[in-house]
Amino acid sequence: MINFLSIIAVGFFLGMRHATDPDHVIAVTTIVTNQRKVSRAALIGAFWGIGHTLTIFLVGAGIILFNLVIPARIGLSMELSVGVMLIVLGLVNIAGFLRSMPAAAIHTEGGEAIIHSHPHSHGDYVHNHPHNHDPEAHPHSPDRTPLAWLDRIFGRVALYQYVRPLVVGIVHGLAGSAAVALLVLTTIRNPRWAIFYLLIFGIGTIGGMMLITMSLASAFRFVGGKQGQFSRILAMASGLLSLAFGIFVTYQMGFMSGLFTAHPHWTPK
């Protein structure tokens, strides 16, 4: 009974701590910067954790049950995928911030703006382009937006907006699965208990990431409600941080650890 409770307690709390790793927090921050609903932010964190747990469990179970050995080049490639993912997420946030920048307005002699540009919404889709009011005129119809297009295709799939955090979690799970499995092997010799530990570890990671995303969404909602542009500045800052950290991880894996050289060396961590 003591061993059983120990595995549950240690696995769960180490999983929650694992969710706070810098690359995990940076990646999920770039996803929830525009999210104001705490419930949706919690689902984003849950789907990230599910994707992370899925790969941790599958790869870790393979290592434990079949004594799989991951070659250095494959291990470094898994780590590199995290860097690439952070770069992509950072670029997406930076591009979104640049699109939200207001452009100069065109005025009449009386000083009243006819054509101007500012962030505006069509349903849930917020974007920026020149348009005029009174009468309302846009260079596209309200249903000709990316979200409207996605809604027409995937509208009946209720969870399609959570695919992105799920994929990001899967990629991060690939990078950390070997290290977690090897750590388990050094402490838990029984394969069944080791696999059970991986499952509890994953549940802890899901819980930890849900707390992180809920806290981020609450902070963005509180600050964003008081200062309109602050949330966009936070999105830009998280994008730059994600881009910089992704470049650092890519350089570290590709050159310092030798993935792009003839003699790669990799230690799971």
Foldseek 3Di string as FASTA:
>chain_A
DVVVVVLLVVLLQLLLVVCPPVLNLLLLCLVLLVPQDLVVLLVLLLLLLVLLLVLLLVVLLCCLPVVDDDDLLRLLVLLLLSLVSLQVSLVVLQVQLVQQDWDDFDADPVGDTAWTWHWDDLVPDTGIDIFGVPPGDDPDDSCPDPVSVCCVVCVVPVCPSSVVSNVSSNSVNSNQNVVLSVVLVVPPVDSVSSSVSSVSSSVSNSVSSSVSSSVSSNVSNVVCVVPVCPSSVSSNVSSVVSNVVSVVSNCCSVPVQPSVHPDGDDDRD
